[in-house]
Amino acid sequence: MALTVKKNNAVIHISNVITGFERRLYNELLGIAQPDLAGTLRQFQIPVADILRIMDVDPRNVDYLRQALKAMMDTHIEFNLLGRDNNDWQFVQLFSAAGVSNGTLTWEYPEFIIKQLGRPETYTILSLLEMRQLDSKYTLALYELIKSFEKVGRTGVIEIDTLQKLMGVEYGNVKDFFKCVLQPALRELRQKTGWNVEEKKVKKGRSIVGIKFILAKPAKATPALTRSSEKQLLEVRKESATKEKDYDALALRMPTKELNIIIEKAKERVPQYVLENFAEDTPSYMVSYRIERNKLIDVYYAEHSA
């Protein structure tokens, strides 16, 4: 399976009218299709069981996938909001067709999207592994935006209205937008990917009219997992933008012996393609490791709650 996806910047800078799950699904399918986009192939396929596993969806819940695909088929997005790829704009569909038959998902892209996705001079490389750990649709949109400016290290001034479109919200009060959307998204981005992003407010008089972001590449994680670094790895999150299960806190409540067993098993279960491409001190490895560790924690508490 793909670890990264190349995405044209104009396709990144879109109105965020889809859910976080739908955005991740689109990126995962794009990563699968991308090697063949430059050729004549226009229809792409993957076993439904495989895409549900990638998306961490219960294999019995195929209807969830159907609803997501239908929503994306019914949605038109505003394209190239920041005008980095000239000042043209257009409303487009993300898929021209999508469906499931005999356990296989088949999908197609509109010709316009295929032409944009096939232009390497204006693309950004996104990490699918990093995006898999982001929960909020706002953080996913912000992650793609930040990555598209990685080479220059900063964005230009983005008007508040445009930034809200990119994030998929519409607040009349700028302070509410900061409090409810932008700050939580920045927090999750820093915590889960290591990106050090500083926002600079641009004012006209007393009013905030725009934002620019100053970027720093993710700091490397601590060196390879050792007994002394386990405590740091499992440190309880001080803040959480969601009310999901806090796996770090659960791990800390386990007997040390059981926790050590889970840590070793999780490392053994990291997929081979991750081991071959990423060292243990990289964010991409840590994403995959945490997914496996959290699954084992769920199993542990299911067995001990009986």
C-alpha atoms as a PDB file:
ATOM      1  CA  MET A   1       0.000   0.000   0.000  1.00  0.00           C
ATOM      2  CA  ALA A   2       1.075   3.585  -0.636  1.00  0.00           C
ATOM      3  CA  LEU A   3       2.830   5.500   2.140  1.00  0.00           C
ATOM      4  CA  THR A   4       2.588   8.899   0.463  1.00  0.00           C
ATOM      5  CA  VAL A   5       0.424  10.609  -2.117  1.00  0.00           C
ATOM      6  CA  LYS A   6       1.346  13.362  -4.570  1.00  0.00           C
ATOM      7  CA  LYS A   7      -1.403  15.948  -4.692  1.00  0.00           C
ATOM      8  CA  ASN A   8      -1.640  19.011  -6.896  1.00  0.00           C
ATOM      9  CA  ASN A   9      -1.698  22.185  -4.779  1.00  0.00           C
ATOM     10  CA  ALA A  10      -4.897  23.369  -6.443  1.00  0.00           C
ATOM     11  CA  VAL A  11      -6.569  20.125  -5.308  1.00  0.00           C
ATOM     12  CA  ILE A  12      -5.247  20.738  -1.772  1.00  0.00           C
ATOM     13  CA  HIS A  13      -6.558  24.298  -1.630  1.00  0.00           C
ATOM     14  CA  ILE A  14     -10.237  23.360  -1.828  1.00  0.00           C
ATOM     15  CA  SER A  15     -13.343  24.229   0.123  1.00  0.00           C
ATOM     16  CA  ASN A  16     -13.428  21.739   2.998  1.00  0.00           C
ATOM     17  CA  VAL A  17     -17.053  20.655   2.641  1.00  0.00           C
ATOM     18  CA  ILE A  18     -16.358  16.944   3.162  1.00  0.00           C
ATOM     19  CA  THR A  19     -15.804  15.123   6.457  1.00  0.00           C
ATOM     20  CA  GLY A  20     -12.423  14.129   7.827  1.00  0.00           C
ATOM     21  CA  PHE A  21     -13.149  10.467   7.028  1.00  0.00           C
ATOM     22  CA  GLU A  22     -14.071  11.354   3.445  1.00  0.00           C
ATOM     23  CA  ARG A  23     -10.912  13.433   2.994  1.00  0.00           C
ATOM     24  CA  ARG A  24      -8.715  10.607   4.287  1.00  0.00           C
ATOM     25  CA  LEU A  25     -10.557   8.103   2.089  1.00  0.00           C
ATOM     26  CA  TYR A  26     -10.000  10.308  -0.964  1.00  0.00           C
ATOM     27  CA  ASN A  27      -6.286  10.573  -0.218  1.00  0.00           C
ATOM     28  CA  GLU A  28      -5.899   6.825   0.388  1.00  0.00           C
ATOM     29  CA  LEU A  29      -7.638   5.996  -2.913  1.00  0.00           C
ATOM     30  CA  LEU A  30      -5.545   8.616  -4.695  1.00  0.00           C
ATOM     31  CA  GLY A  31      -2.373   7.024  -3.308  1.00  0.00           C
ATOM     32  CA  ILE A  32      -3.487   3.663  -4.728  1.00  0.00           C
ATOM     33  CA  ALA A  33      -4.434   5.072  -8.146  1.00  0.00           C
ATOM     34  CA  GLN A  34      -1.540   7.494  -8.573  1.00  0.00           C
ATOM     35  CA  PRO A  35       1.014   5.158 -10.197  1.00  0.00           C
ATOM     36  CA  ASP A  36      -1.413   4.601 -13.091  1.00  0.00           C
ATOM     37  CA  LEU A  37      -2.843   8.108 -13.467  1.00  0.00           C
ATOM     38  CA  ALA A  38      -0.281   9.103 -16.079  1.00  0.00           C
ATOM     39  CA  GLY A  39      -1.328   6.223 -18.346  1.00  0.00           C
ATOM     40  CA  THR A  40      -4.604   5.399 -20.031  1.00  0.00           C
ATOM     41  CA  LEU A  41      -6.215   3.669 -17.053  1.00  0.00           C
ATOM     42  CA  ARG A  42      -9.282   5.562 -15.855  1.00  0.00           C
ATOM     43  CA  GLN A  43     -10.948   2.995 -13.604  1.00  0.00           C
ATOM     44  CA  PHE A  44      -9.313   1.824 -10.380  1.00  0.00           C
ATOM     45  CA  GLN A  45     -10.104  -1.007  -8.002  1.00  0.00           C
ATOM     46  CA  ILE A  46      -9.321  -2.346  -4.539  1.00  0.00           C
ATOM     47  CA  PRO A  47     -10.928  -5.106  -2.437  1.00  0.00           C
ATOM     48  CA  VAL A  48     -13.449  -3.582  -0.053  1.00  0.00           C
ATOM     49  CA  ALA A  49     -11.884  -5.490   2.857  1.00  0.00           C
ATOM     50  CA  ASP A  50      -8.511  -3.849   2.146  1.00  0.00           C
ATOM     51  CA  ILE A  51      -9.775  -0.258   2.075  1.00  0.00           C
ATOM     52  CA  LEU A  52     -11.853  -0.814   5.219  1.00  0.00           C
ATOM     53  CA  ARG A  53      -8.742  -2.127   6.971  1.00  0.00           C
ATOM     54  CA  ILE A  54      -6.704   0.878   5.836  1.00  0.00           C
ATOM     55  CA  MET A  55      -9.438   3.227   7.046  1.00  0.00           C
ATOM     56  CA  ASP A  56      -9.740   1.295  10.336  1.00  0.00           C
ATOM     57  CA  VAL A  57     -13.448   0.577   9.770  1.00  0.00           C
ATOM     58  CA  ASP A  58     -15.222  -2.543  11.019  1.00  0.00           C
ATOM     59  CA  PRO A  59     -15.279  -4.903   7.974  1.00  0.00           C
ATOM     60  CA  ARG A  60     -18.961  -5.559   8.636  1.00  0.00           C
ATOM     61  CA  ASN A  61     -19.794  -1.869   8.229  1.00  0.00           C
ATOM     62  CA  VAL A  62     -19.635  -1.608   4.440  1.00  0.00           C
ATOM     63  CA  ASP A  63     -22.576   0.804   4.527  1.00  0.00           C
ATOM     64  CA  TYR A  64     -20.328   3.423   6.157  1.00  0.00           C
ATOM     65  CA  LEU A  65     -18.087   3.279   3.086  1.00  0.00           C
ATOM     66  CA  ARG A  66     -21.110   3.503   0.774  1.00  0.00           C
ATOM     67  CA  GLN A  67     -22.406   6.598   2.545  1.00  0.00           C
ATOM     68  CA  ALA A  68     -19.013   8.303   2.358  1.00  0.00           C
ATOM     69  CA  LEU A  69     -18.642   7.614  -1.371  1.00  0.00           C
ATOM     70  CA  LYS A  70     -22.193   8.797  -2.084  1.00  0.00           C
ATOM     71  CA  ALA A  71     -21.585  12.007  -0.134  1.00  0.00           C
ATOM     72  CA  MET A  72     -18.438  12.718  -2.149  1.00  0.00           C
ATOM     73  CA  MET A  73     -20.255  11.982  -5.413  1.00  0.00           C
ATOM     74  CA  ASP A  74     -22.989  14.447  -4.431  1.00  0.00           C
ATOM     75  CA  THR A  75     -20.535  17.170  -3.360  1.00  0.00           C
ATOM     76  CA  HIS A  76     -18.943  19.837  -5.527  1.00  0.00           C
ATOM     77  CA  ILE A  77     -15.833  21.506  -4.171  1.00  0.00           C
ATOM     78  CA  GLU A  78     -14.402  24.926  -4.942  1.00  0.00           C
ATOM     79  CA  PHE A  79     -10.994  24.397  -6.474  1.00  0.00           C
ATOM     80  CA  ASN A  80      -7.689  26.383  -6.263  1.00  0.00           C
ATOM     81  CA  LEU A  81      -8.832  28.768  -3.503  1.00  0.00           C
ATOM     82  CA  LEU A  82      -5.414  30.352  -2.987  1.00  0.00           C
ATOM     83  CA  GLY A  83      -4.811  30.910  -6.688  1.00  0.00           C
ATOM     84  CA  ARG A  84      -1.247  29.530  -6.547  1.00  0.00           C
ATOM     85  CA  ASP A  85      -1.909  27.718  -9.819  1.00  0.00           C
ATOM     86  CA  ASN A  86      -3.003  30.986 -11.564  1.00  0.00           C
ATOM     87  CA  ASN A  87      -6.207  32.763 -10.597  1.00  0.00           C
ATOM     88  CA  ASP A  88      -8.589  30.316 -12.223  1.00  0.00           C
ATOM     89  CA  TRP A  89     -11.323  28.713 -10.140  1.00  0.00           C
ATOM     90  CA  GLN A  90     -13.838  25.980 -10.759  1.00  0.00           C
ATOM     91  CA  PHE A  91     -16.378  23.784  -8.990  1.00  0.00           C
ATOM     92  CA  VAL A  92     -15.670  20.082  -9.504  1.00  0.00           C
ATOM     93  CA  GLN A  93     -16.697  16.613  -8.337  1.00  0.00           C
ATOM     94  CA  LEU A  94     -14.106  14.518  -6.539  1.00  0.00           C
ATOM     95  CA  PHE A  95     -15.214  11.298  -8.296  1.00  0.00           C
ATOM     96  CA  SER A  96     -17.047  10.802 -11.570  1.00  0.00           C
ATOM     97  CA  ALA A  97     -18.161   7.302 -10.524  1.00  0.00           C
ATOM     98  CA  ALA A  98     -17.768   4.969  -7.546  1.00  0.00           C
ATOM     99  CA  GLY A  99     -19.364   1.723  -6.457  1.00  0.00           C
ATOM    100  CA  VAL A 100     -18.956  -1.728  -4.954  1.00  0.00           C
ATOM    101  CA  SER A 101     -19.567  -5.039  -6.729  1.00  0.00           C
ATOM    102  CA  ASN A 102     -18.605  -8.572  -5.673  1.00  0.00           C
ATOM    103  CA  GLY A 103     -16.501  -7.299  -2.794  1.00  0.00           C
ATOM    104  CA  THR A 104     -14.502  -4.851  -4.933  1.00  0.00           C
ATOM    105  CA  LEU A 105     -14.556  -1.054  -4.793  1.00  0.00           C
ATOM    106  CA  THR A 106     -14.269   0.616  -8.203  1.00  0.00           C
ATOM    107  CA  TRP A 107     -13.874   4.351  -8.731  1.00  0.00           C
ATOM    108  CA  GLU A 108     -13.131   6.887 -11.467  1.00  0.00           C
ATOM    109  CA  TYR A 109     -11.942  10.517 -11.487  1.00  0.00           C
ATOM    110  CA  PRO A 110     -13.290  13.358 -13.634  1.00  0.00           C
ATOM    111  CA  GLU A 111     -10.988  14.159 -16.561  1.00  0.00           C
ATOM    112  CA  PHE A 112     -10.373  17.645 -15.152  1.00  0.00           C
ATOM    113  CA  ILE A 113      -9.103  16.221 -11.851  1.00  0.00           C
ATOM    114  CA  ILE A 114      -6.886  13.682 -13.638  1.00  0.00           C
ATOM    115  CA  LYS A 115      -5.205  16.469 -15.613  1.00  0.00           C
ATOM    116  CA  GLN A 116      -4.516  18.395 -12.409  1.00  0.00           C
ATOM    117  CA  LEU A 117      -3.276  15.357 -10.482  1.00  0.00           C
ATOM    118  CA  GLY A 118      -0.877  14.535 -13.306  1.00  0.00           C
ATOM    119  CA  ARG A 119       0.996  17.847 -13.136  1.00  0.00           C
ATOM    120  CA  PRO A 120       4.193  17.226 -11.113  1.00  0.00           C
ATOM    121  CA  GLU A 121       5.404  20.828 -11.241  1.00  0.00           C
ATOM    122  CA  THR A 122       2.795  21.967  -8.708  1.00  0.00           C
ATOM    123  CA  TYR A 123       2.325  18.994  -6.388  1.00  0.00           C
ATOM    124  CA  THR A 124       2.897  18.377  -2.686  1.00  0.00           C
ATOM    125  CA  ILE A 125       3.894  15.015  -1.179  1.00  0.00           C
ATOM    126  CA  LEU A 126       1.605  14.108   1.726  1.00  0.00           C
ATOM    127  CA  SER A 127       2.235  11.355   4.278  1.00  0.00           C
ATOM    128  CA  LEU A 128      -0.712   8.962   4.431  1.00  0.00           C
ATOM    129  CA  LEU A 129       0.660   7.534   7.681  1.00  0.00           C
ATOM    130  CA  GLU A 130       0.655  10.940   9.338  1.00  0.00           C
ATOM    131  CA  MET A 131      -2.840  11.720   8.097  1.00  0.00           C
ATOM    132  CA  ARG A 132      -4.158   8.435   9.501  1.00  0.00           C
ATOM    133  CA  GLN A 133      -3.539   9.664  13.033  1.00  0.00           C
ATOM    134  CA  LEU A 134      -5.391  12.984  12.619  1.00  0.00           C
ATOM    135  CA  ASP A 135      -8.970  12.956  13.899  1.00  0.00           C
ATOM    136  CA  SER A 136     -10.374  16.372  13.001  1.00  0.00           C
ATOM    137  CA  LYS A 137     -11.385  17.366   9.468  1.00  0.00           C
ATOM    138  CA  TYR A 138     -10.023  20.813  10.304  1.00  0.00           C
ATOM    139  CA  THR A 139      -6.609  19.408  11.208  1.00  0.00           C
ATOM    140  CA  LEU A 140      -6.509  17.353   8.017  1.00  0.00           C
ATOM    141  CA  ALA A 141      -7.224  20.457   5.934  1.00  0.00           C
ATOM    142  CA  LEU A 142      -4.614  22.439   7.871  1.00  0.00           C
ATOM    143  CA  TYR A 143      -2.054  19.630   7.497  1.00  0.00           C
ATOM    144  CA  GLU A 144      -2.421  19.625   3.706  1.00  0.00           C
ATOM    145  CA  LEU A 145      -2.225  23.424   3.608  1.00  0.00           C
ATOM    146  CA  ILE A 146       0.954  23.490   5.709  1.00  0.00           C
ATOM    147  CA  LYS A 147       2.604  20.732   3.664  1.00  0.00           C
ATOM    148  CA  SER A 148       1.900  22.616   0.428  1.00  0.00           C
ATOM    149  CA  PHE A 149       4.111  25.465   1.712  1.00  0.00           C
ATOM    150  CA  GLU A 150       6.804  23.218   3.217  1.00  0.00           C
ATOM    151  CA  LYS A 151       9.498  24.178   0.699  1.00  0.00           C
ATOM    152  CA  VAL A 152       9.207  27.922   1.352  1.00  0.00           C
ATOM    153  CA  GLY A 153       8.689  27.625   5.113  1.00  0.00           C
ATOM    154  CA  ARG A 154       5.793  30.058   5.350  1.00  0.00           C
ATOM    155  CA  THR A 155       2.477  30.883   3.765  1.00  0.00           C
ATOM    156  CA  GLY A 156       1.528  34.222   2.377  1.00  0.00           C
ATOM    157  CA  VAL A 157      -1.233  36.178   4.061  1.00  0.00           C
ATOM    158  CA  ILE A 158      -4.443  34.150   3.835  1.00  0.00           C
ATOM    159  CA  GLU A 159      -7.601  36.195   4.239  1.00  0.00           C
ATOM    160  CA  ILE A 160      -9.855  35.041   7.079  1.00  0.00           C
ATOM    161  CA  ASP A 161     -12.758  34.287   4.732  1.00  0.00           C
ATOM    162  CA  THR A 162     -10.521  32.169   2.499  1.00  0.00           C
ATOM    163  CA  LEU A 163      -8.997  30.343   5.466  1.00  0.00           C
ATOM    164  CA  GLN A 164     -12.471  29.550   6.764  1.00  0.00           C
ATOM    165  CA  LYS A 165     -13.383  28.082   3.357  1.00  0.00           C
ATOM    166  CA  LEU A 166     -10.217  25.969   3.427  1.00  0.00           C
ATOM    167  CA  MET A 167     -11.154  24.741   6.906  1.00  0.00           C
ATOM    168  CA  GLY A 168     -14.819  24.223   6.010  1.00  0.00           C
ATOM    169  CA  VAL A 169     -16.494  26.656   8.413  1.00  0.00           C
ATOM    170  CA  GLU A 170     -18.190  30.042   8.395  1.00  0.00           C
ATOM    171  CA  TYR A 171     -17.920  32.111  11.572  1.00  0.00           C
ATOM    172  CA  GLY A 172     -19.011  35.723  11.724  1.00  0.00           C
ATOM    173  CA  ASN A 173     -16.914  36.235  14.851  1.00  0.00           C
ATOM    174  CA  VAL A 174     -13.202  35.751  14.164  1.00  0.00           C
ATOM    175  CA  LYS A 175     -12.482  35.030  17.840  1.00  0.00           C
ATOM    176  CA  ASP A 176     -14.924  32.105  17.747  1.00  0.00           C
ATOM    177  CA  PHE A 177     -13.182  30.767  14.622  1.00  0.00           C
ATOM    178  CA  PHE A 178      -9.834  30.885  16.425  1.00  0.00           C
ATOM    179  CA  LYS A 179     -11.161  29.309  19.611  1.00  0.00           C
ATOM    180  CA  CYS A 180     -13.352  26.570  18.124  1.00  0.00           C
ATOM    181  CA  VAL A 181     -11.505  25.629  14.938  1.00  0.00           C
ATOM    182  CA  LEU A 182      -8.031  27.009  14.285  1.00  0.00           C
ATOM    183  CA  GLN A 183      -6.445  26.658  17.740  1.00  0.00           C
ATOM    184  CA  PRO A 184      -7.648  23.049  18.303  1.00  0.00           C
ATOM    185  CA  ALA A 185      -6.449  22.119  14.798  1.00  0.00           C
ATOM    186  CA  LEU A 186      -3.029  23.663  15.399  1.00  0.00           C
ATOM    187  CA  ARG A 187      -2.811  21.853  18.733  1.00  0.00           C
ATOM    188  CA  GLU A 188      -3.589  18.454  17.206  1.00  0.00           C
ATOM    189  CA  LEU A 189      -1.197  19.094  14.317  1.00  0.00           C
ATOM    190  CA  ARG A 190       1.674  19.895  16.690  1.00  0.00           C
ATOM    191  CA  GLN A 191       0.965  16.994  19.038  1.00  0.00           C
ATOM    192  CA  LYS A 192       0.500  14.245  16.479  1.00  0.00           C
ATOM    193  CA  THR A 193       2.822  15.169  13.600  1.00  0.00           C
ATOM    194  CA  GLY A 194       5.499  17.247  15.310  1.00  0.00           C
ATOM    195  CA  TRP A 195       4.978  20.219  12.982  1.00  0.00           C
ATOM    196  CA  ASN A 196       5.907  23.458  14.725  1.00  0.00           C
ATOM    197  CA  VAL A 197       3.477  25.967  13.225  1.00  0.00           C
ATOM    198  CA  GLU A 198       3.277  29.559  14.382  1.00  0.00           C
ATOM    199  CA  GLU A 199       0.366  31.702  13.294  1.00  0.00           C
ATOM    200  CA  LYS A 200       0.790  35.439  12.740  1.00  0.00           C
ATOM    201  CA  LYS A 201      -2.324  37.601  12.790  1.00  0.00           C
ATOM    202  CA  VAL A 202      -2.563  40.354  10.195  1.00  0.00           C
ATOM    203  CA  LYS A 203      -4.642  43.312  11.342  1.00  0.00           C
ATOM    204  CA  LYS A 204      -6.288  46.276   9.746  1.00  0.00           C
ATOM    205  CA  GLY A 205      -6.897  48.681  12.560  1.00  0.00           C
ATOM    206  CA  ARG A 206      -8.181  46.490  15.384  1.00  0.00           C
ATOM    207  CA  SER A 207      -9.710  43.863  13.108  1.00  0.00           C
ATOM    208  CA  ILE A 208      -7.948  40.614  12.170  1.00  0.00           C
ATOM    209  CA  VAL A 209      -8.172  40.366   8.387  1.00  0.00           C
ATOM    210  CA  GLY A 210      -5.740  37.540   7.660  1.00  0.00           C
ATOM    211  CA  ILE A 211      -3.324  34.905   8.924  1.00  0.00           C
ATOM    212  CA  LYS A 212       0.072  33.750   7.793  1.00  0.00           C
ATOM    213  CA  PHE A 213       1.746  30.615   9.071  1.00  0.00           C
ATOM    214  CA  ILE A 214       5.457  30.196   9.836  1.00  0.00           C
ATOM    215  CA  LEU A 215       6.532  26.575   9.500  1.00  0.00           C
ATOM    216  CA  ALA A 216       9.268  24.420  10.976  1.00  0.00           C
ATOM    217  CA  LYS A 217       9.887  20.829   9.952  1.00  0.00           C
ATOM    218  CA  PRO A 218       8.910  18.191  12.500  1.00  0.00           C
ATOM    219  CA  ALA A 219      11.488  17.613  15.187  1.00  0.00           C
ATOM    220  CA  LYS A 220      12.807  14.058  15.283  1.00  0.00           C
ATOM    221  CA  ALA A 221      11.338  11.805  17.881  1.00  0.00           C
ATOM    222  CA  THR A 222      13.537  10.484  20.659  1.00  0.00           C
ATOM    223  CA  PRO A 223      15.989   7.777  19.577  1.00  0.00           C
ATOM    224  CA  ALA A 224      14.899   4.153  19.243  1.00  0.00           C
ATOM    225  CA  LEU A 225      12.541   2.869  21.899  1.00  0.00           C
ATOM    226  CA  THR A 226      14.346   1.841  25.057  1.00  0.00           C
ATOM    227  CA  ARG A 227      13.178   1.114  28.588  1.00  0.00           C
ATOM    228  CA  SER A 228      14.151   4.645  29.603  1.00  0.00           C
ATOM    229  CA  SER A 229      12.182   6.199  26.744  1.00  0.00           C
ATOM    230  CA  GLU A 230       9.006   4.168  27.246  1.00  0.00           C
ATOM    231  CA  LYS A 231       7.770   6.511  29.964  1.00  0.00           C
ATOM    232  CA  GLN A 232       8.227   9.478  27.667  1.00  0.00           C
ATOM    233  CA  LEU A 233       6.529   7.660  24.811  1.00  0.00           C
ATOM    234  CA  LEU A 234       3.520   6.827  26.995  1.00  0.00           C
ATOM    235  CA  GLU A 235       3.240  10.227  28.641  1.00  0.00           C
ATOM    236  CA  VAL A 236      -0.383  11.158  29.166  1.00  0.00           C
ATOM    237  CA  ARG A 237      -1.593  13.860  26.749  1.00  0.00           C
ATOM    238  CA  LYS A 238      -2.159  17.100  28.596  1.00  0.00           C
ATOM    239  CA  GLU A 239      -4.659  18.284  26.044  1.00  0.00           C
ATOM    240  CA  SER A 240      -7.014  16.522  23.667  1.00  0.00           C
ATOM    241  CA  ALA A 241      -9.207  18.156  21.044  1.00  0.00           C
ATOM    242  CA  THR A 242     -11.570  15.184  21.102  1.00  0.00           C
ATOM    243  CA  LYS A 243     -13.181  12.993  23.750  1.00  0.00           C
ATOM    244  CA  GLU A 244     -11.844   9.763  22.285  1.00  0.00           C
ATOM    245  CA  LYS A 245     -10.245   7.058  24.371  1.00  0.00           C
ATOM    246  CA  ASP A 246      -6.923   8.180  25.863  1.00  0.00           C
ATOM    247  CA  TYR A 247      -4.748   5.155  25.131  1.00  0.00           C
ATOM    248  CA  ASP A 248      -1.685   6.635  26.814  1.00  0.00           C
ATOM    249  CA  ALA A 249      -3.566   6.956  30.094  1.00  0.00           C
ATOM    250  CA  LEU A 250      -4.871   3.394  29.756  1.00  0.00           C
ATOM    251  CA  ALA A 251      -1.356   2.106  29.138  1.00  0.00           C
ATOM    252  CA  LEU A 252      -0.007   3.814  32.230  1.00  0.00           C
ATOM    253  CA  ARG A 253      -2.611   2.041  34.378  1.00  0.00           C
ATOM    254  CA  MET A 254      -1.405  -1.397  33.282  1.00  0.00           C
ATOM    255  CA  PRO A 255       1.047  -3.572  35.198  1.00  0.00           C
ATOM    256  CA  THR A 256       4.555  -2.846  33.918  1.00  0.00           C
ATOM    257  CA  LYS A 257       5.060  -6.442  32.809  1.00  0.00           C
ATOM    258  CA  GLU A 258       1.889  -6.417  30.699  1.00  0.00           C
ATOM    259  CA  LEU A 259       2.726  -3.035  29.202  1.00  0.00           C
ATOM    260  CA  ASN A 260       6.204  -4.194  28.184  1.00  0.00           C
ATOM    261  CA  ILE A 261       4.704  -7.218  26.455  1.00  0.00           C
ATOM    262  CA  ILE A 262       2.278  -4.983  24.535  1.00  0.00           C
ATOM    263  CA  ILE A 263       5.085  -2.627  23.497  1.00  0.00           C
ATOM    264  CA  GLU A 264       7.172  -5.487  22.102  1.00  0.00           C
ATOM    265  CA  LYS A 265       4.198  -7.071  20.331  1.00  0.00           C
ATOM    266  CA  ALA A 266       3.231  -3.719  18.801  1.00  0.00           C
ATOM    267  CA  LYS A 267       6.746  -3.283  17.415  1.00  0.00           C
ATOM    268  CA  GLU A 268       6.599  -6.764  15.913  1.00  0.00           C
ATOM    269  CA  ARG A 269       3.271  -5.954  14.248  1.00  0.00           C
ATOM    270  CA  VAL A 270       4.454  -2.777  12.512  1.00  0.00           C
ATOM    271  CA  PRO A 271       3.991  -3.527   8.776  1.00  0.00           C
ATOM    272  CA  GLN A 272       7.073  -4.633   6.868  1.00  0.00           C
ATOM    273  CA  TYR A 273       6.826  -1.793   4.365  1.00  0.00           C
ATOM    274  CA  VAL A 274       7.066   0.697   7.238  1.00  0.00           C
ATOM    275  CA  LEU A 275      10.103  -1.062   8.717  1.00  0.00           C
ATOM    276  CA  GLU A 276      11.794  -1.008   5.309  1.00  0.00           C
ATOM    277  CA  ASN A 277      11.197   2.703   4.704  1.00  0.00           C
ATOM    278  CA  PHE A 278      11.239   4.417   8.109  1.00  0.00           C
ATOM    279  CA  ALA A 279      13.494   4.362  11.165  1.00  0.00           C
ATOM    280  CA  GLU A 280      12.044   4.093  14.673  1.00  0.00           C
ATOM    281  CA  ASP A 281      12.733   7.765  15.369  1.00  0.00           C
ATOM    282  CA  THR A 282      10.462   9.011  12.560  1.00  0.00           C
ATOM    283  CA  PRO A 283       6.843  10.195  12.909  1.00  0.00           C
ATOM    284  CA  SER A 284       5.720   7.753  10.209  1.00  0.00           C
ATOM    285  CA  TYR A 285       7.016   4.765  12.187  1.00  0.00           C
ATOM    286  CA  MET A 286       5.454   6.079  15.391  1.00  0.00           C
ATOM    287  CA  VAL A 287       2.034   6.433  13.745  1.00  0.00           C
ATOM    288  CA  SER A 288       2.040   2.781  12.684  1.00  0.00           C
ATOM    289  CA  TYR A 289       3.426   1.628  16.041  1.00  0.00           C
ATOM    290  CA  ARG A 290       0.722   3.487  17.994  1.00  0.00           C
ATOM    291  CA  ILE A 291      -2.050   2.010  15.845  1.00  0.00           C
ATOM    292  CA  GLU A 292      -0.851  -1.505  16.669  1.00  0.00           C
ATOM    293  CA  ARG A 293      -0.274  -0.680  20.338  1.00  0.00           C
ATOM    294  CA  ASN A 294      -3.762   0.790  20.728  1.00  0.00           C
ATOM    295  CA  LYS A 295      -5.361  -2.307  19.195  1.00  0.00           C
ATOM    296  CA  LEU A 296      -3.492  -4.470  21.727  1.00  0.00           C
ATOM    297  CA  ILE A 297      -4.599  -2.200  24.578  1.00  0.00           C
ATOM    298  CA  ASP A 298      -8.217  -2.674  23.471  1.00  0.00           C
ATOM    299  CA  VAL A 299      -7.736  -6.450  23.498  1.00  0.00           C
ATOM    300  CA  TYR A 300      -6.122  -6.323  26.955  1.00  0.00           C
ATOM    301  CA  TYR A 301      -8.992  -4.382  28.544  1.00  0.00           C
ATOM    302  CA  ALA A 302     -11.626  -6.486  26.781  1.00  0.00           C
ATOM    303  CA  GLU A 303     -10.060  -9.622  28.269  1.00  0.00           C
ATOM    304  CA  HIS A 304      -9.677  -8.123  31.764  1.00  0.00           C
ATOM    305  CA  SER A 305     -13.099  -6.492  31.980  1.00  0.00           C
ATOM    306  CA  ALA A 306     -14.908  -9.807  31.985  1.00  0.00           C
END
